[in-house]
Every structure is written in structure tokens, then in C-alpha cells.
Amino acid sequence: MTTPVLIGAQTTEYPEGLDDLEDSPDLYLLGSLRTSPRIAVVGTRRCTRYGIDLAERFGRVISGAGWTVVSGLARGIDAAAHRGCLAARGHAVAVLGSGVDVCYPTENQTIYDGILESSGAIVSEYPPGTPPDRWRFPARNRIIAAMSAAVVIVEAARTGGALITARLAAEIGRPVFVVPGDIDRPASEGCNMLIRDGAHPVLGANDLVEELGLVVGPPEKGVPRASVDIPQSGLTVDELTEHWSLPVSDTLARVGRLEIEGLIRRSGDRVIPG
């Protein structure tokens, strides 16, 4: 493994925005950081299949716009956003709550390796070899918020790291975009609370790119339509539920978002490509 580089506020590699923190830390860096706008995509570890699918799509379209995807390499939404970014051959930055040479959780080693192999970056304020102690992760979230031009919350429970990231982002003037969800779904409780308190709701991947374009400027590349497995022959909601292996509530939520994005439409009792 390449030896990590220590970067501080006076170095050219230091991420823009970190000096908005009162305690802006020096960072250990593996890989390379780009100057393209950085967008954080984060959420709960206890996410739904729908949340994973949406986070992957967000990772793909953000990368397709020429922007960098920032997340925390955690299970669930974070990992899904990184996977979508890598699938689109985009630039990913993972901010760790451990040393940059310690992949946690270990199940995300493939993502960790993929980020470095694609000229992305692994960063941390902790020295190499630092273990992933639980108390380090809330502190890690302030770095995710500060180095990003905007923060996107896909799914979040009533408490947890995603809400901490959203609060810290709002405190330093970063716009927070949130995916709304069912009011009785635990993975959406935090999201709905954020929207109630003033966060921007986002209704799909293409809607997100349009909103982000108002924050960071127009995409540097042509933006591909959000991709999802849509059968070419029309299916009923029950048939789609089986096809996607989702609960009925998740299928209905996905259908609603895809309709908003113009990717599908309803014809009688069937859902067909838009």
C-alpha cells in the first residue's frame, strides 16, 4: 500500500471548505483529490432495498455530472453510493473513522480497493493504524459535511450519523437534500423530520442533479438518465414486486419516483417504460 500523505490547510491538496470548521484538522490522504464539486451522499446502515437502489442511482448520476461522490464507506447507504459512483467510473472520496489503512467494515474492502484503483481518495484525520472506535465516527461526519458543497440524505432513522451530518452541514451553510419516505417506516423517520425542519426534498435522481446544478453550477458532462431495471413489457404492481424482490410498499414508492422522473408511466393496471 502507498504511504499516506499528511495534508494541512497550507497544502494544495487540502479540501476546500474544511476551513469552515473551527477545528479544521490535518488529513491523512491515500489516493488523489480532485477540484470538482463534491457531493456527500449518506444515510443509515439499517436501510431498505429501495434506499440502496436509490443511493446507487444517486452515485451514478452525480458521477455522470462530473462531480465527486463523498461518503463514509459505512454499511448501507454509504456503501451503495460508493458502488454507484464506481460503476459510473466516477471520482469517489471515502472519509473514514479509522486510519486510512484500516478498511472498516471489512466487508467493504472491494469498495475501498475500487476507490483507490479508480484514482479516488481515502481520507481521515486519524493516523495510520488507528482502529475504528465507535466514538470516532460522529467526528468523522463533520469532515464529510465540510468538504462537500451539498449533503444528500437518502434514508435516516430518528437518531444516528446521517442526522449528525445533516445538522453539521446546516450549521456551516451547506444545503441539505433529503429523500422523503413513508411516515411509518423507521428508515425514513429522520428524513421526514429534516424536511419538516426545512431541508430540501428531492424526488429522484434527475431532480437531484437539477437541484445540485443550482448549487455548484451546471454538470460538467451530459447527465445520463437514472438507470434501473425496468421490464420492457408492462407489469402489474404485484408482478413488479416479485420482479424487484421488494415489499409492496417499497415497490409503490419506487414506481412513484420513477413516474416523477419520467422513466415509466401507467397504462391501465400495468406499469410500462416511459
Protein backbone atom coordinates (compact mmCIF):
# COMPACT_ATOMS: atom_id res chain seq x y z
CA MET A 1 0.00 0.00 0.00
CA THR A 2 1.16 3.55 -0.78
CA THR A 3 2.29 5.56 2.23
CA PRO A 4 -0.40 8.08 3.28
CA VAL A 5 0.35 11.76 2.79
CA LEU A 6 -0.41 14.25 5.57
CA ILE A 7 -2.09 17.38 4.18
CA GLY A 8 -2.87 20.59 6.04
CA ALA A 9 -4.58 23.89 5.32
CA GLN A 10 -1.48 25.28 3.62
CA THR A 11 -1.14 22.43 1.11
CA THR A 12 -2.67 22.48 -2.37
CA GLU A 13 -4.44 19.14 -1.80
CA TYR A 14 -6.36 20.35 1.27
CA PRO A 15 -10.11 20.14 0.53
CA GLU A 16 -11.87 23.43 0.03
CA GLY A 17 -14.49 24.03 2.71
CA LEU A 18 -12.73 22.34 5.61
CA ASP A 19 -11.55 25.70 6.89
CA ASP A 20 -15.20 26.47 7.69
CA LEU A 21 -14.75 24.20 10.70
CA GLU A 22 -13.49 25.78 13.92
CA ASP A 23 -11.20 22.78 14.42
CA SER A 24 -10.29 22.10 10.77
CA PRO A 25 -7.99 19.08 11.04
CA ASP A 26 -4.98 17.96 9.08
CA LEU A 27 -5.85 14.92 6.98
CA TYR A 28 -4.08 11.73 6.03
CA LEU A 29 -4.64 11.02 2.34
CA LEU A 30 -4.41 7.91 0.20
CA GLY A 31 -5.05 8.43 -3.49
CA SER A 32 -5.88 11.79 -5.01
CA LEU A 33 -8.43 14.56 -4.51
CA ARG A 34 -9.90 16.48 -7.43
CA THR A 35 -11.13 20.05 -7.57
CA SER A 36 -14.54 19.06 -8.98
CA PRO A 37 -17.57 19.86 -6.78
CA ARG A 38 -18.03 17.29 -4.04
CA ILE A 39 -21.46 15.96 -3.10
CA ALA A 40 -21.95 13.91 0.07
CA VAL A 41 -24.44 11.02 -0.07
CA VAL A 42 -25.06 9.44 3.32
CA GLY A 43 -27.69 7.55 5.26
CA THR A 44 -28.48 4.82 7.70
CA ARG A 45 -26.79 1.45 7.90
CA ARG A 46 -30.20 -0.14 8.52
CA CYS A 47 -31.59 0.87 5.15
CA THR A 48 -34.20 -0.70 2.88
CA ARG A 49 -33.65 -2.30 -0.51
CA TYR A 50 -35.28 0.78 -2.02
CA GLY A 51 -32.80 3.06 -0.24
CA ILE A 52 -29.85 1.04 -1.52
CA ASP A 53 -31.19 1.19 -5.07
CA LEU A 54 -31.72 4.94 -4.87
CA ALA A 55 -28.30 5.63 -3.32
CA GLU A 56 -26.63 3.68 -6.12
CA ARG A 57 -28.55 5.69 -8.70
CA PHE A 58 -27.57 8.92 -6.97
CA GLY A 59 -23.93 7.82 -7.03
CA ARG A 60 -24.17 7.13 -10.76
CA VAL A 61 -25.85 10.38 -11.81
CA ILE A 62 -23.66 12.56 -9.58
CA SER A 63 -20.62 10.94 -11.17
CA GLY A 64 -22.19 11.29 -14.60
CA ALA A 65 -22.46 15.02 -13.98
CA GLY A 66 -18.71 15.19 -13.39
CA TRP A 67 -18.97 15.71 -9.63
CA THR A 68 -17.27 13.79 -6.82
CA VAL A 69 -19.22 11.49 -4.50
CA VAL A 70 -18.24 11.75 -0.83
CA SER A 71 -19.39 9.27 1.80
CA GLY A 72 -18.20 7.35 4.82
CA LEU A 73 -17.75 3.77 3.50
CA ALA A 74 -20.24 2.56 6.13
CA ARG A 75 -22.66 -0.29 5.56
CA GLY A 76 -25.92 0.53 3.84
CA ILE A 77 -26.46 3.85 2.09
CA ASP A 78 -22.82 4.99 2.17
CA ALA A 79 -21.56 1.82 0.53
CA ALA A 80 -24.35 1.92 -2.06
CA ALA A 81 -23.46 5.50 -3.06
CA HIS A 82 -19.82 4.49 -3.47
CA ARG A 83 -20.80 1.45 -5.56
CA GLY A 84 -22.92 3.59 -7.88
CA CYS A 85 -20.06 6.06 -8.28
CA LEU A 86 -17.56 3.34 -9.10
CA ALA A 87 -19.98 1.69 -11.54
CA ALA A 88 -20.11 5.02 -13.41
CA ARG A 89 -16.31 5.29 -13.30
CA GLY A 90 -16.61 8.42 -11.21
CA HIS A 91 -14.41 10.00 -8.57
CA ALA A 92 -15.16 8.84 -5.03
CA VAL A 93 -13.89 10.06 -1.67
CA ALA A 94 -14.30 7.94 1.46
CA VAL A 95 -13.89 9.65 4.83
CA LEU A 96 -13.00 7.09 7.49
CA GLY A 97 -13.44 6.96 11.25
CA SER A 98 -10.21 4.97 11.44
CA GLY A 99 -6.74 5.23 9.93
CA VAL A 100 -6.73 5.37 6.13
CA ASP A 101 -5.05 1.96 6.09
CA VAL A 102 -7.87 0.35 8.09
CA CYS A 103 -10.89 -0.60 5.99
CA TYR A 104 -14.00 -0.72 8.17
CA PRO A 105 -16.24 -2.56 7.85
CA THR A 106 -14.05 -5.23 6.29
CA GLU A 107 -16.92 -6.33 4.03
CA ASN A 108 -16.38 -3.10 2.07
CA GLN A 109 -12.78 -3.95 1.15
CA THR A 110 -13.77 -4.28 -2.52
CA ILE A 111 -15.19 -0.74 -2.50
CA TYR A 112 -12.12 0.56 -0.64
CA ASP A 113 -9.83 -1.01 -3.23
CA GLY A 114 -12.00 0.20 -6.09
CA ILE A 115 -11.82 3.80 -4.90
CA LEU A 116 -8.03 3.73 -4.93
CA GLU A 117 -7.82 1.84 -8.22
CA SER A 118 -10.03 4.48 -9.87
CA SER A 119 -7.85 7.38 -8.65
CA GLY A 120 -10.25 8.31 -5.87
CA ALA A 121 -9.27 9.17 -2.31
CA ILE A 122 -9.40 7.71 1.19
CA VAL A 123 -9.03 10.38 3.90
CA SER A 124 -9.01 10.50 7.69
CA GLU A 125 -7.86 12.82 10.44
CA TYR A 126 -6.56 9.79 12.36
CA PRO A 127 -3.03 8.41 11.96
CA PRO A 128 -2.48 5.15 10.10
CA GLY A 129 -3.26 2.12 12.20
CA THR A 130 -5.98 3.87 14.25
CA PRO A 131 -8.78 1.38 15.00
CA PRO A 132 -12.43 2.18 14.17
CA ASP A 133 -13.53 3.04 17.71
CA ARG A 134 -17.20 3.98 17.81
CA TRP A 135 -16.69 7.48 19.20
CA ARG A 136 -14.61 8.49 16.17
CA PHE A 137 -17.47 8.33 13.68
CA PRO A 138 -19.52 11.39 14.75
CA ALA A 139 -16.32 13.45 14.49
CA ARG A 140 -15.72 11.97 11.02
CA ASN A 141 -19.13 13.27 9.91
CA ARG A 142 -18.11 16.92 10.29
CA ILE A 143 -15.39 16.34 7.68
CA ILE A 144 -17.89 14.81 5.25
CA ALA A 145 -20.17 17.84 5.68
CA ALA A 146 -17.47 20.49 5.46
CA MET A 147 -15.61 19.18 2.41
CA SER A 148 -18.85 18.83 0.43
CA ALA A 149 -20.76 21.53 -1.43
CA ALA A 150 -24.06 19.83 -0.52
CA VAL A 151 -25.24 16.87 1.54
CA VAL A 152 -27.82 14.32 0.36
CA ILE A 153 -29.60 12.11 2.91
CA VAL A 154 -31.20 9.04 1.34
CA GLU A 155 -32.58 7.23 4.40
CA ALA A 156 -32.10 8.14 8.05
CA ALA A 157 -33.57 6.95 11.31
CA ARG A 158 -34.66 9.30 14.08
CA THR A 159 -31.13 9.20 15.51
CA GLY A 160 -27.78 8.35 14.00
CA GLY A 161 -24.82 9.58 11.99
CA ALA A 162 -26.81 10.82 8.98
CA LEU A 163 -28.72 13.30 11.14
CA ILE A 164 -25.46 14.43 12.73
CA THR A 165 -24.03 15.06 9.25
CA ALA A 166 -27.16 16.97 8.21
CA ARG A 167 -27.07 19.15 11.33
CA LEU A 168 -23.39 19.93 10.95
CA ALA A 169 -23.87 20.73 7.25
CA ALA A 170 -26.68 23.17 8.02
CA GLU A 171 -24.59 24.86 10.72
CA ILE A 172 -21.84 25.71 8.22
CA GLY A 173 -24.17 26.71 5.41
CA ARG A 174 -24.25 23.59 3.26
CA PRO A 175 -27.61 22.84 1.61
CA VAL A 176 -29.15 19.56 2.71
CA PHE A 177 -31.25 17.49 0.30
CA VAL A 178 -33.42 14.70 1.67
CA VAL A 179 -35.44 11.85 0.18
CA PRO A 180 -38.92 11.74 1.78
CA GLY A 181 -40.36 8.39 2.82
CA ASP A 182 -43.31 6.61 4.37
CA ILE A 183 -44.20 8.18 7.71
CA ASP A 184 -44.33 4.80 9.44
CA ARG A 185 -41.01 3.49 8.07
CA PRO A 186 -38.17 3.68 10.63
CA ALA A 187 -35.57 4.28 7.92
CA SER A 188 -37.44 7.42 6.82
CA GLU A 189 -38.26 8.97 10.19
CA GLY A 190 -35.15 11.10 10.28
CA CYS A 191 -35.58 12.17 6.65
CA ASN A 192 -39.14 13.33 7.19
CA MET A 193 -38.08 15.23 10.31
CA LEU A 194 -35.35 17.03 8.34
CA ILE A 195 -37.82 18.05 5.65
CA ARG A 196 -40.24 19.27 8.32
CA ASP A 197 -37.42 21.40 9.71
CA GLY A 198 -36.51 22.98 6.38
CA ALA A 199 -34.32 20.60 4.35
CA HIS A 200 -34.91 20.40 0.60
CA PRO A 201 -36.94 17.36 -0.50
CA VAL A 202 -35.58 15.55 -3.55
CA LEU A 203 -37.87 13.40 -5.67
CA GLY A 204 -35.49 11.39 -7.79
CA ALA A 205 -32.03 11.17 -9.31
CA ASN A 206 -32.64 13.60 -12.16
CA ASP A 207 -34.41 16.03 -9.86
CA LEU A 208 -31.35 15.85 -7.60
CA VAL A 209 -28.96 16.76 -10.41
CA GLU A 210 -31.13 19.74 -11.36
CA GLU A 211 -31.18 20.95 -7.75
CA LEU A 212 -27.45 20.43 -7.31
CA GLY A 213 -26.80 22.32 -10.53
CA LEU A 214 -28.25 25.41 -8.84
CA VAL A 215 -25.73 24.99 -6.02
CA VAL A 216 -22.50 24.01 -7.79
CA GLY A 217 -23.17 25.05 -11.38
CA PRO A 218 -24.23 23.01 -14.40
CA PRO A 219 -22.93 19.47 -14.86
CA GLU A 220 -19.55 19.13 -16.49
CA LYS A 221 -20.78 16.17 -18.52
CA GLY A 222 -24.01 15.11 -20.12
CA VAL A 223 -26.15 13.55 -17.41
CA PRO A 224 -27.44 10.05 -18.15
CA ARG A 225 -30.98 9.23 -17.19
CA ALA A 226 -31.08 7.33 -13.93
CA SER A 227 -30.86 3.64 -14.71
CA VAL A 228 -32.99 0.98 -13.08
CA ASP A 229 -34.18 -2.46 -14.10
CA ILE A 230 -37.48 -1.65 -15.85
CA PRO A 231 -39.04 -4.58 -17.71
CA GLN A 232 -39.81 -3.69 -21.32
CA SER A 233 -43.15 -5.48 -21.17
CA GLY A 234 -45.75 -3.92 -18.92
CA LEU A 235 -46.18 -5.50 -15.48
CA THR A 236 -48.67 -5.02 -12.68
CA VAL A 237 -47.51 -3.73 -9.31
CA ASP A 238 -47.73 -7.26 -7.92
CA GLU A 239 -45.57 -8.57 -10.77
CA LEU A 240 -43.06 -5.74 -10.27
CA THR A 241 -42.92 -6.55 -6.55
CA GLU A 242 -41.88 -10.08 -7.42
CA HIS A 243 -39.52 -8.93 -10.20
CA TRP A 244 -37.67 -6.46 -7.94
CA SER A 245 -37.88 -8.70 -4.84
CA LEU A 246 -39.24 -5.80 -2.77
CA PRO A 247 -42.03 -5.37 -0.25
CA VAL A 248 -45.18 -3.93 -1.84
CA SER A 249 -44.68 -0.58 -0.04
CA ASP A 250 -41.15 -0.26 -1.47
CA THR A 251 -42.40 -1.15 -4.96
CA LEU A 252 -45.08 1.55 -4.78
CA ALA A 253 -42.51 4.10 -3.59
CA ARG A 254 -40.13 3.19 -6.42
CA VAL A 255 -42.92 3.35 -9.01
CA GLY A 256 -43.88 6.80 -7.75
CA ARG A 257 -40.31 8.10 -8.03
CA LEU A 258 -39.82 6.59 -11.50
CA GLU A 259 -43.05 8.21 -12.67
CA ILE A 260 -41.80 11.58 -11.43
CA GLU A 261 -38.53 11.03 -13.32
CA GLY A 262 -40.46 10.18 -16.48
CA LEU A 263 -38.93 6.71 -16.72
CA ILE A 264 -42.25 4.86 -16.52
CA ARG A 265 -45.96 5.52 -16.90
CA ARG A 266 -49.15 3.70 -16.03
CA SER A 267 -51.38 2.10 -18.63
CA GLY A 268 -54.47 0.66 -17.03
CA ASP A 269 -53.30 -1.65 -14.25
CA ARG A 270 -49.83 -2.03 -15.77
CA VAL A 271 -46.60 -0.09 -15.47
CA ILE A 272 -44.69 0.39 -18.73
CA PRO A 273 -41.49 2.21 -19.76
CA GLY A 274 -41.97 5.95 -20.19
